[in-house]
Amino acid sequence: MSKKEIRKAHHPYETKQNMINRMKRIEGQIRGISRMIDEDVYCDDILHQFMSVESAIGGVKKTLLEAHMKGCIVHQIQEGQMEAVDELLLTIGKMTK
């Protein structure tokens, strides 16, 4: 694959919409945390909100990884692009550090 080639994801519409909706909720949570900080809300309460956001992001990452493996990786392998497996392993390695 050339450096200039733009790769595209291969996700079902429902999966994509689910991830977009979840990310919009996370954006709202982040804005809420900013307001909490601005309003001097008790630190422990803010930390709990951060944990909630981290958990939500983890859920989206899991959904995206699964969709990537079932869609993008399968598609690339079918196209003979076996390097997709090495790329995936590298990504998983970075995710699990």
PDB file of N, CA and C in Angstrom:
ATOM      1  N   MET A   1       0.838  -1.166   0.000  1.00  0.00           N
ATOM      2  CA  MET A   1       0.000   0.000   0.000  1.00  0.00           C
ATOM      3  C   MET A   1       0.890   1.238   0.000  1.00  0.00           C
ATOM      4  N   SER A   2       0.560   2.191  -0.842  1.00  0.00           N
ATOM      5  CA  SER A   2       1.367   3.407  -0.897  1.00  0.00           C
ATOM      6  C   SER A   2       0.997   4.319   0.268  1.00  0.00           C
ATOM      7  N   LYS A   3       1.936   5.211   0.605  1.00  0.00           N
ATOM      8  CA  LYS A   3       1.722   6.144   1.714  1.00  0.00           C
ATOM      9  C   LYS A   3       0.547   7.080   1.438  1.00  0.00           C
ATOM     10  N   LYS A   4       0.273   7.370   0.170  1.00  0.00           N
ATOM     11  CA  LYS A   4      -0.776   8.317  -0.186  1.00  0.00           C
ATOM     12  C   LYS A   4      -2.151   7.662  -0.220  1.00  0.00           C
ATOM     13  N   GLU A   5      -2.218   6.335  -0.215  1.00  0.00           N
ATOM     14  CA  GLU A   5      -3.494   5.639  -0.257  1.00  0.00           C
ATOM     15  C   GLU A   5      -4.230   5.841   1.063  1.00  0.00           C
ATOM     16  N   ILE A   6      -5.482   6.225   0.968  1.00  0.00           N
ATOM     17  CA  ILE A   6      -6.295   6.446   2.157  1.00  0.00           C
ATOM     18  C   ILE A   6      -7.105   5.191   2.431  1.00  0.00           C
ATOM     19  N   ARG A   7      -6.898   4.644   3.613  1.00  0.00           N
ATOM     20  CA  ARG A   7      -7.635   3.442   3.985  1.00  0.00           C
ATOM     21  C   ARG A   7      -8.962   3.847   4.597  1.00  0.00           C
ATOM     22  N   LYS A   8      -9.970   3.026   4.392  1.00  0.00           N
ATOM     23  CA  LYS A   8     -11.302   3.273   4.930  1.00  0.00           C
ATOM     24  C   LYS A   8     -11.721   2.078   5.784  1.00  0.00           C
ATOM     25  N   ALA A   9     -12.516   2.375   6.791  1.00  0.00           N
ATOM     26  CA  ALA A   9     -13.049   1.329   7.656  1.00  0.00           C
ATOM     27  C   ALA A   9     -14.187   0.597   6.939  1.00  0.00           C
ATOM     28  N   HIS A  10     -14.462  -0.615   7.388  1.00  0.00           N
ATOM     29  CA  HIS A  10     -15.532  -1.444   6.822  1.00  0.00           C
ATOM     30  C   HIS A  10     -16.458  -1.881   7.956  1.00  0.00           C
ATOM     31  N   HIS A  11     -17.235  -0.921   8.485  1.00  0.00           N
ATOM     32  CA  HIS A  11     -18.121  -1.222   9.614  1.00  0.00           C
ATOM     33  C   HIS A  11     -19.578  -1.105   9.195  1.00  0.00           C
ATOM     34  N   PRO A  12     -20.410  -1.980   9.749  1.00  0.00           N
ATOM     35  CA  PRO A  12     -21.849  -1.833   9.484  1.00  0.00           C
ATOM     36  C   PRO A  12     -22.345  -0.487  10.013  1.00  0.00           C
ATOM     37  N   TYR A  13     -23.360   0.046   9.366  1.00  0.00           N
ATOM     38  CA  TYR A  13     -23.929   1.339   9.743  1.00  0.00           C
ATOM     39  C   TYR A  13     -24.309   1.370  11.221  1.00  0.00           C
ATOM     40  N   GLU A  14     -24.940   0.302  11.721  1.00  0.00           N
ATOM     41  CA  GLU A  14     -25.395   0.264  13.105  1.00  0.00           C
ATOM     42  C   GLU A  14     -24.224   0.361  14.085  1.00  0.00           C
ATOM     43  N   THR A  15     -23.129  -0.314  13.769  1.00  0.00           N
ATOM     44  CA  THR A  15     -21.944  -0.275  14.628  1.00  0.00           C
ATOM     45  C   THR A  15     -21.364   1.133  14.659  1.00  0.00           C
ATOM     46  N   LYS A  16     -21.269   1.748  13.499  1.00  0.00           N
ATOM     47  CA  LYS A  16     -20.741   3.100  13.402  1.00  0.00           C
ATOM     48  C   LYS A  16     -21.629   4.074  14.187  1.00  0.00           C
ATOM     49  N   GLN A  17     -22.931   3.988  14.013  1.00  0.00           N
ATOM     50  CA  GLN A  17     -23.848   4.887  14.723  1.00  0.00           C
ATOM     51  C   GLN A  17     -23.766   4.668  16.226  1.00  0.00           C
ATOM     52  N   ASN A  18     -23.639   3.420  16.651  1.00  0.00           N
ATOM     53  CA  ASN A  18     -23.508   3.117  18.076  1.00  0.00           C
ATOM     54  C   ASN A  18     -22.277   3.799  18.647  1.00  0.00           C
ATOM     55  N   MET A  19     -21.156   3.704  17.937  1.00  0.00           N
ATOM     56  CA  MET A  19     -19.921   4.324  18.425  1.00  0.00           C
ATOM     57  C   MET A  19     -20.036   5.848  18.427  1.00  0.00           C
ATOM     58  N   ILE A  20     -20.642   6.421  17.402  1.00  0.00           N
ATOM     59  CA  ILE A  20     -20.817   7.873  17.348  1.00  0.00           C
ATOM     60  C   ILE A  20     -21.692   8.341  18.508  1.00  0.00           C
ATOM     61  N   ASN A  21     -22.789   7.654  18.751  1.00  0.00           N
ATOM     62  CA  ASN A  21     -23.679   8.025  19.853  1.00  0.00           C
ATOM     63  C   ASN A  21     -22.973   7.935  21.202  1.00  0.00           C
ATOM     64  N   ARG A  22     -22.206   6.881  21.389  1.00  0.00           N
ATOM     65  CA  ARG A  22     -21.469   6.724  22.645  1.00  0.00           C
ATOM     66  C   ARG A  22     -20.425   7.823  22.817  1.00  0.00           C
ATOM     67  N   MET A  23     -19.749   8.189  21.722  1.00  0.00           N
ATOM     68  CA  MET A  23     -18.752   9.255  21.797  1.00  0.00           C
ATOM     69  C   MET A  23     -19.401  10.602  22.113  1.00  0.00           C
ATOM     70  N   LYS A  24     -20.602  10.849  21.597  1.00  0.00           N
ATOM     71  CA  LYS A  24     -21.309  12.089  21.917  1.00  0.00           C
ATOM     72  C   LYS A  24     -21.654  12.147  23.400  1.00  0.00           C
ATOM     73  N   ARG A  25     -22.037  10.996  23.968  1.00  0.00           N
ATOM     74  CA  ARG A  25     -22.311  10.957  25.411  1.00  0.00           C
ATOM     75  C   ARG A  25     -21.034  11.220  26.203  1.00  0.00           C
ATOM     76  N   ILE A  26     -19.926  10.663  25.751  1.00  0.00           N
ATOM     77  CA  ILE A  26     -18.633  10.887  26.420  1.00  0.00           C
ATOM     78  C   ILE A  26     -18.256  12.367  26.332  1.00  0.00           C
ATOM     79  N   GLU A  27     -18.472  12.983  25.181  1.00  0.00           N
ATOM     80  CA  GLU A  27     -18.204  14.424  25.049  1.00  0.00           C
ATOM     81  C   GLU A  27     -18.995  15.203  26.090  1.00  0.00           C
ATOM     82  N   GLY A  28     -20.258  14.839  26.271  1.00  0.00           N
ATOM     83  CA  GLY A  28     -21.087  15.497  27.278  1.00  0.00           C
ATOM     84  C   GLY A  28     -20.540  15.293  28.678  1.00  0.00           C
ATOM     85  N   GLN A  29     -20.067  14.084  28.952  1.00  0.00           N
ATOM     86  CA  GLN A  29     -19.477  13.807  30.267  1.00  0.00           C
ATOM     87  C   GLN A  29     -18.236  14.673  30.490  1.00  0.00           C
ATOM     88  N   ILE A  30     -17.413  14.824  29.473  1.00  0.00           N
ATOM     89  CA  ILE A  30     -16.198  15.637  29.587  1.00  0.00           C
ATOM     90  C   ILE A  30     -16.571  17.093  29.860  1.00  0.00           C
ATOM     91  N   ARG A  31     -17.551  17.602  29.135  1.00  0.00           N
ATOM     92  CA  ARG A  31     -18.004  18.977  29.390  1.00  0.00           C
ATOM     93  C   ARG A  31     -18.521  19.107  30.819  1.00  0.00           C
ATOM     94  N   GLY A  32     -19.214  18.069  31.288  1.00  0.00           N
ATOM     95  CA  GLY A  32     -19.711  18.078  32.663  1.00  0.00           C
ATOM     96  C   GLY A  32     -18.581  18.120  33.679  1.00  0.00           C
ATOM     97  N   ILE A  33     -17.524  17.400  33.414  1.00  0.00           N
ATOM     98  CA  ILE A  33     -16.363  17.414  34.312  1.00  0.00           C
ATOM     99  C   ILE A  33     -15.744  18.804  34.342  1.00  0.00           C
ATOM    100  N   SER A  34     -15.648  19.431  33.185  1.00  0.00           N
ATOM    101  CA  SER A  34     -15.106  20.799  33.143  1.00  0.00           C
ATOM    102  C   SER A  34     -15.954  21.736  33.999  1.00  0.00           C
ATOM    103  N   ARG A  35     -17.270  21.607  33.893  1.00  0.00           N
ATOM    104  CA  ARG A  35     -18.156  22.444  34.717  1.00  0.00           C
ATOM    105  C   ARG A  35     -17.954  22.154  36.200  1.00  0.00           C
ATOM    106  N   MET A  36     -17.804  20.868  36.529  1.00  0.00           N
ATOM    107  CA  MET A  36     -17.598  20.494  37.926  1.00  0.00           C
ATOM    108  C   MET A  36     -16.330  21.142  38.477  1.00  0.00           C
ATOM    109  N   ILE A  37     -15.274  21.123  37.689  1.00  0.00           N
ATOM    110  CA  ILE A  37     -14.015  21.742  38.122  1.00  0.00           C
ATOM    111  C   ILE A  37     -14.223  23.242  38.303  1.00  0.00           C
ATOM    112  N   ASP A  38     -14.889  23.856  37.336  1.00  0.00           N
ATOM    113  CA  ASP A  38     -15.143  25.294  37.399  1.00  0.00           C
ATOM    114  C   ASP A  38     -15.984  25.667  38.621  1.00  0.00           C
ATOM    115  N   GLU A  39     -16.885  24.780  39.005  1.00  0.00           N
ATOM    116  CA  GLU A  39     -17.787  25.049  40.124  1.00  0.00           C
ATOM    117  C   GLU A  39     -17.238  24.541  41.457  1.00  0.00           C
ATOM    118  N   ASP A  40     -15.974  24.122  41.467  1.00  0.00           N
ATOM    119  CA  ASP A  40     -15.308  23.662  42.694  1.00  0.00           C
ATOM    120  C   ASP A  40     -16.025  22.481  43.359  1.00  0.00           C
ATOM    121  N   VAL A  41     -16.540  21.579  42.527  1.00  0.00           N
ATOM    122  CA  VAL A  41     -17.159  20.368  43.061  1.00  0.00           C
ATOM    123  C   VAL A  41     -16.078  19.548  43.764  1.00  0.00           C
ATOM    124  N   TYR A  42     -16.463  18.823  44.784  1.00  0.00           N
ATOM    125  CA  TYR A  42     -15.551  18.014  45.587  1.00  0.00           C
ATOM    126  C   TYR A  42     -14.741  17.078  44.679  1.00  0.00           C
ATOM    127  N   CYS A  43     -13.432  17.047  44.891  1.00  0.00           N
ATOM    128  CA  CYS A  43     -12.490  16.321  44.025  1.00  0.00           C
ATOM    129  C   CYS A  43     -12.861  14.852  43.837  1.00  0.00           C
ATOM    130  N   ASP A  44     -13.266  14.183  44.902  1.00  0.00           N
ATOM    131  CA  ASP A  44     -13.598  12.765  44.814  1.00  0.00           C
ATOM    132  C   ASP A  44     -14.757  12.535  43.844  1.00  0.00           C
ATOM    133  N   ASP A  45     -15.721  13.446  43.849  1.00  0.00           N
ATOM    134  CA  ASP A  45     -16.851  13.324  42.928  1.00  0.00           C
ATOM    135  C   ASP A  45     -16.382  13.475  41.477  1.00  0.00           C
ATOM    136  N   ILE A  46     -15.443  14.383  41.241  1.00  0.00           N
ATOM    137  CA  ILE A  46     -14.908  14.573  39.890  1.00  0.00           C
ATOM    138  C   ILE A  46     -14.103  13.346  39.466  1.00  0.00           C
ATOM    139  N   LEU A  47     -13.316  12.806  40.378  1.00  0.00           N
ATOM    140  CA  LEU A  47     -12.527  11.613  40.046  1.00  0.00           C
ATOM    141  C   LEU A  47     -13.428  10.446  39.649  1.00  0.00           C
ATOM    142  N   HIS A  48     -14.574  10.313  40.304  1.00  0.00           N
ATOM    143  CA  HIS A  48     -15.520   9.256  39.941  1.00  0.00           C
ATOM    144  C   HIS A  48     -16.057   9.472  38.522  1.00  0.00           C
ATOM    145  N   GLN A  49     -16.263  10.727  38.163  1.00  0.00           N
ATOM    146  CA  GLN A  49     -16.703  11.018  36.794  1.00  0.00           C
ATOM    147  C   GLN A  49     -15.619  10.667  35.779  1.00  0.00           C
ATOM    148  N   PHE A  50     -14.363  10.945  36.129  1.00  0.00           N
ATOM    149  CA  PHE A  50     -13.258  10.552  35.250  1.00  0.00           C
ATOM    150  C   PHE A  50     -13.235   9.036  35.050  1.00  0.00           C
ATOM    151  N   MET A  51     -13.447   8.289  36.117  1.00  0.00           N
ATOM    152  CA  MET A  51     -13.456   6.826  36.000  1.00  0.00           C
ATOM    153  C   MET A  51     -14.593   6.359  35.099  1.00  0.00           C
ATOM    154  N   SER A  52     -15.720   7.039  35.197  1.00  0.00           N
ATOM    155  CA  SER A  52     -16.857   6.708  34.341  1.00  0.00           C
ATOM    156  C   SER A  52     -16.521   6.959  32.869  1.00  0.00           C
ATOM    157  N   VAL A  53     -15.865   8.081  32.593  1.00  0.00           N
ATOM    158  CA  VAL A  53     -15.467   8.404  31.221  1.00  0.00           C
ATOM    159  C   VAL A  53     -14.456   7.385  30.702  1.00  0.00           C
ATOM    160  N   GLU A  54     -13.487   7.038  31.531  1.00  0.00           N
ATOM    161  CA  GLU A  54     -12.482   6.057  31.110  1.00  0.00           C
ATOM    162  C   GLU A  54     -13.135   4.718  30.784  1.00  0.00           C
ATOM    163  N   SER A  55     -14.110   4.320  31.585  1.00  0.00           N
ATOM    164  CA  SER A  55     -14.827   3.072  31.333  1.00  0.00           C
ATOM    165  C   SER A  55     -15.604   3.149  30.021  1.00  0.00           C
ATOM    166  N   ALA A  56     -16.253   4.284  29.792  1.00  0.00           N
ATOM    167  CA  ALA A  56     -17.015   4.460  28.558  1.00  0.00           C
ATOM    168  C   ALA A  56     -16.101   4.436  27.335  1.00  0.00           C
ATOM    169  N   ILE A  57     -14.950   5.088  27.431  1.00  0.00           N
ATOM    170  CA  ILE A  57     -13.988   5.066  26.328  1.00  0.00           C
ATOM    171  C   ILE A  57     -13.505   3.634  26.090  1.00  0.00           C
ATOM    172  N   GLY A  58     -13.260   2.904  27.166  1.00  0.00           N
ATOM    173  CA  GLY A  58     -12.853   1.509  27.033  1.00  0.00           C
ATOM    174  C   GLY A  58     -13.884   0.682  26.284  1.00  0.00           C
ATOM    175  N   GLY A  59     -15.162   0.954  26.545  1.00  0.00           N
ATOM    176  CA  GLY A  59     -16.225   0.238  25.843  1.00  0.00           C
ATOM    177  C   GLY A  59     -16.229   0.541  24.354  1.00  0.00           C
ATOM    178  N   VAL A  60     -16.021   1.797  24.000  1.00  0.00           N
ATOM    179  CA  VAL A  60     -15.970   2.176  22.586  1.00  0.00           C
ATOM    180  C   VAL A  60     -14.743   1.551  21.930  1.00  0.00           C
ATOM    181  N   LYS A  61     -13.606   1.567  22.629  1.00  0.00           N
ATOM    182  CA  LYS A  61     -12.395   0.945  22.083  1.00  0.00           C
ATOM    183  C   LYS A  61     -12.622  -0.538  21.824  1.00  0.00           C
ATOM    184  N   LYS A  62     -13.279  -1.219  22.745  1.00  0.00           N
ATOM    185  CA  LYS A  62     -13.553  -2.650  22.575  1.00  0.00           C
ATOM    186  C   LYS A  62     -14.452  -2.883  21.366  1.00  0.00           C
ATOM    187  N   THR A  63     -15.485  -2.059  21.230  1.00  0.00           N
ATOM    188  CA  THR A  63     -16.391  -2.172  20.086  1.00  0.00           C
ATOM    189  C   THR A  63     -15.641  -1.937  18.779  1.00  0.00           C
ATOM    190  N   LEU A  64     -14.784  -0.897  18.758  1.00  0.00           N
ATOM    191  CA  LEU A  64     -14.029  -0.584  17.550  1.00  0.00           C
ATOM    192  C   LEU A  64     -13.030  -1.687  17.216  1.00  0.00           C
ATOM    193  N   LEU A  65     -12.353  -2.220  18.218  1.00  0.00           N
ATOM    194  CA  LEU A  65     -11.395  -3.298  17.975  1.00  0.00           C
ATOM    195  C   LEU A  65     -12.101  -4.515  17.391  1.00  0.00           C
ATOM    196  N   GLU A  66     -13.243  -4.863  17.951  1.00  0.00           N
ATOM    197  CA  GLU A  66     -14.004  -6.010  17.435  1.00  0.00           C
ATOM    198  C   GLU A  66     -14.444  -5.755  15.991  1.00  0.00           C
ATOM    199  N   ALA A  67     -14.967  -4.552  15.730  1.00  0.00           N
ATOM    200  CA  ALA A  67     -15.401  -4.218  14.373  1.00  0.00           C
ATOM    201  C   ALA A  67     -14.213  -4.222  13.411  1.00  0.00           C
ATOM    202  N   HIS A  68     -13.076  -3.737  13.879  1.00  0.00           N
ATOM    203  CA  HIS A  68     -11.867  -3.710  13.058  1.00  0.00           C
ATOM    204  C   HIS A  68     -11.447  -5.132  12.683  1.00  0.00           C
ATOM    205  N   MET A  69     -11.477  -6.013  13.658  1.00  0.00           N
ATOM    206  CA  MET A  69     -11.061  -7.388  13.396  1.00  0.00           C
ATOM    207  C   MET A  69     -12.045  -8.100  12.464  1.00  0.00           C
ATOM    208  N   LYS A  70     -13.331  -7.901  12.689  1.00  0.00           N
ATOM    209  CA  LYS A  70     -14.346  -8.600  11.891  1.00  0.00           C
ATOM    210  C   LYS A  70     -14.557  -7.974  10.514  1.00  0.00           C
ATOM    211  N   GLY A  71     -14.214  -6.701  10.379  1.00  0.00           N
ATOM    212  CA  GLY A  71     -14.442  -6.016   9.113  1.00  0.00           C
ATOM    213  C   GLY A  71     -13.163  -5.696   8.378  1.00  0.00           C
ATOM    214  N   CYS A  72     -12.431  -4.741   8.909  1.00  0.00           N
ATOM    215  CA  CYS A  72     -11.237  -4.240   8.216  1.00  0.00           C
ATOM    216  C   CYS A  72     -10.182  -5.312   8.008  1.00  0.00           C
ATOM    217  N   ILE A  73      -9.857  -6.039   9.071  1.00  0.00           N
ATOM    218  CA  ILE A  73      -8.794  -7.049   8.982  1.00  0.00           C
ATOM    219  C   ILE A  73      -9.210  -8.172   8.033  1.00  0.00           C
ATOM    220  N   VAL A  74     -10.436  -8.650   8.163  1.00  0.00           N
ATOM    221  CA  VAL A  74     -10.918  -9.711   7.275  1.00  0.00           C
ATOM    222  C   VAL A  74     -10.859  -9.235   5.827  1.00  0.00           C
ATOM    223  N   HIS A  75     -11.311  -8.021   5.579  1.00  0.00           N
ATOM    224  CA  HIS A  75     -11.287  -7.466   4.225  1.00  0.00           C
ATOM    225  C   HIS A  75      -9.851  -7.410   3.679  1.00  0.00           C
ATOM    226  N   GLN A  76      -8.930  -6.928   4.500  1.00  0.00           N
ATOM    227  CA  GLN A  76      -7.538  -6.825   4.041  1.00  0.00           C
ATOM    228  C   GLN A  76      -6.932  -8.198   3.760  1.00  0.00           C
ATOM    229  N   ILE A  77      -7.223  -9.165   4.611  1.00  0.00           N
ATOM    230  CA  ILE A  77      -6.700 -10.516   4.392  1.00  0.00           C
ATOM    231  C   ILE A  77      -7.273 -11.087   3.097  1.00  0.00           C
ATOM    232  N   GLN A  78      -8.572 -10.871   2.881  1.00  0.00           N
ATOM    233  CA  GLN A  78      -9.189 -11.348   1.638  1.00  0.00           C
ATOM    234  C   GLN A  78      -8.561 -10.700   0.411  1.00  0.00           C
ATOM    235  N   GLU A  79      -8.038  -9.488   0.578  1.00  0.00           N
ATOM    236  CA  GLU A  79      -7.363  -8.779  -0.513  1.00  0.00           C
ATOM    237  C   GLU A  79      -5.884  -9.162  -0.608  1.00  0.00           C
ATOM    238  N   GLY A  80      -5.445 -10.092   0.253  1.00  0.00           N
ATOM    239  CA  GLY A  80      -4.063 -10.548   0.226  1.00  0.00           C
ATOM    240  C   GLY A  80      -3.096  -9.680   1.012  1.00  0.00           C
ATOM    241  N   GLN A  81      -3.617  -8.782   1.808  1.00  0.00           N
ATOM    242  CA  GLN A  81      -2.771  -7.874   2.582  1.00  0.00           C
ATOM    243  C   GLN A  81      -2.522  -8.463   3.972  1.00  0.00           C
ATOM    244  N   MET A  82      -1.668  -9.466   4.022  1.00  0.00           N
ATOM    245  CA  MET A  82      -1.403 -10.185   5.269  1.00  0.00           C
ATOM    246  C   MET A  82      -0.699  -9.321   6.318  1.00  0.00           C
ATOM    247  N   GLU A  83      -0.088  -8.207   5.892  1.00  0.00           N
ATOM    248  CA  GLU A  83       0.564  -7.314   6.856  1.00  0.00           C
ATOM    249  C   GLU A  83      -0.438  -6.712   7.828  1.00  0.00           C
ATOM    250  N   ALA A  84      -1.720  -6.810   7.516  1.00  0.00           N
ATOM    251  CA  ALA A  84      -2.764  -6.298   8.410  1.00  0.00           C
ATOM    252  C   ALA A  84      -2.716  -7.006   9.758  1.00  0.00           C
ATOM    253  N   VAL A  85      -2.333  -8.281   9.752  1.00  0.00           N
ATOM    254  CA  VAL A  85      -2.243  -9.041  11.004  1.00  0.00           C
ATOM    255  C   VAL A  85      -1.126  -8.487  11.874  1.00  0.00           C
ATOM    256  N   ASP A  86       0.019  -8.220  11.277  1.00  0.00           N
ATOM    257  CA  ASP A  86       1.134  -7.649  12.041  1.00  0.00           C
ATOM    258  C   ASP A  86       0.770  -6.267  12.586  1.00  0.00           C
ATOM    259  N   GLU A  87       0.098  -5.469  11.773  1.00  0.00           N
ATOM    260  CA  GLU A  87      -0.339  -4.144  12.205  1.00  0.00           C
ATOM    261  C   GLU A  87      -1.303  -4.258  13.394  1.00  0.00           C
ATOM    262  N   LEU A  88      -2.219  -5.203  13.309  1.00  0.00           N
ATOM    263  CA  LEU A  88      -3.173  -5.418  14.396  1.00  0.00           C
ATOM    264  C   LEU A  88      -2.455  -5.852  15.674  1.00  0.00           C
ATOM    265  N   LEU A  89      -1.521  -6.755  15.554  1.00  0.00           N
ATOM    266  CA  LEU A  89      -0.772  -7.210  16.732  1.00  0.00           C
ATOM    267  C   LEU A  89      -0.002  -6.055  17.378  1.00  0.00           C
ATOM    268  N   LEU A  90       0.578  -5.191  16.566  1.00  0.00           N
ATOM    269  CA  LEU A  90       1.281  -4.022  17.080  1.00  0.00           C
ATOM    270  C   LEU A  90       0.311  -3.096  17.820  1.00  0.00           C
ATOM    271  N   THR A  91      -0.850  -2.873  17.235  1.00  0.00           N
ATOM    272  CA  THR A  91      -1.860  -2.025  17.865  1.00  0.00           C
ATOM    273  C   THR A  91      -2.330  -2.617  19.189  1.00  0.00           C
ATOM    274  N   ILE A  92      -2.601  -3.911  19.216  1.00  0.00           N
ATOM    275  CA  ILE A  92      -3.037  -4.563  20.455  1.00  0.00           C
ATOM    276  C   ILE A  92      -1.941  -4.453  21.511  1.00  0.00           C
ATOM    277  N   GLY A  93      -0.690  -4.623  21.091  1.00  0.00           N
ATOM    278  CA  GLY A  93       0.423  -4.488  22.021  1.00  0.00           C
ATOM    279  C   GLY A  93       0.460  -3.101  22.655  1.00  0.00           C
ATOM    280  N   LYS A  94       0.233  -2.071  21.853  1.00  0.00           N
ATOM    281  CA  LYS A  94       0.217  -0.698  22.382  1.00  0.00           C
ATOM    282  C   LYS A  94      -0.980  -0.475  23.308  1.00  0.00           C
ATOM    283  N   MET A  95      -2.118  -1.093  22.975  1.00  0.00           N
ATOM    284  CA  MET A  95      -3.321  -0.925  23.778  1.00  0.00           C
ATOM    285  C   MET A  95      -3.200  -1.584  25.145  1.00  0.00           C
ATOM    286  N   THR A  96      -2.394  -2.615  25.235  1.00  0.00           N
ATOM    287  CA  THR A  96      -2.326  -3.391  26.469  1.00  0.00           C
ATOM    288  C   THR A  96      -1.131  -3.007  27.350  1.00  0.00           C
ATOM    289  N   LYS A  97      -0.427  -1.961  26.996  1.00  0.00           N
ATOM    290  CA  LYS A  97       0.709  -1.520  27.822  1.00  0.00           C
ATOM    291  C   LYS A  97       0.203  -0.859  29.071  1.00  0.00           C
TER     292      LYS A  97
END
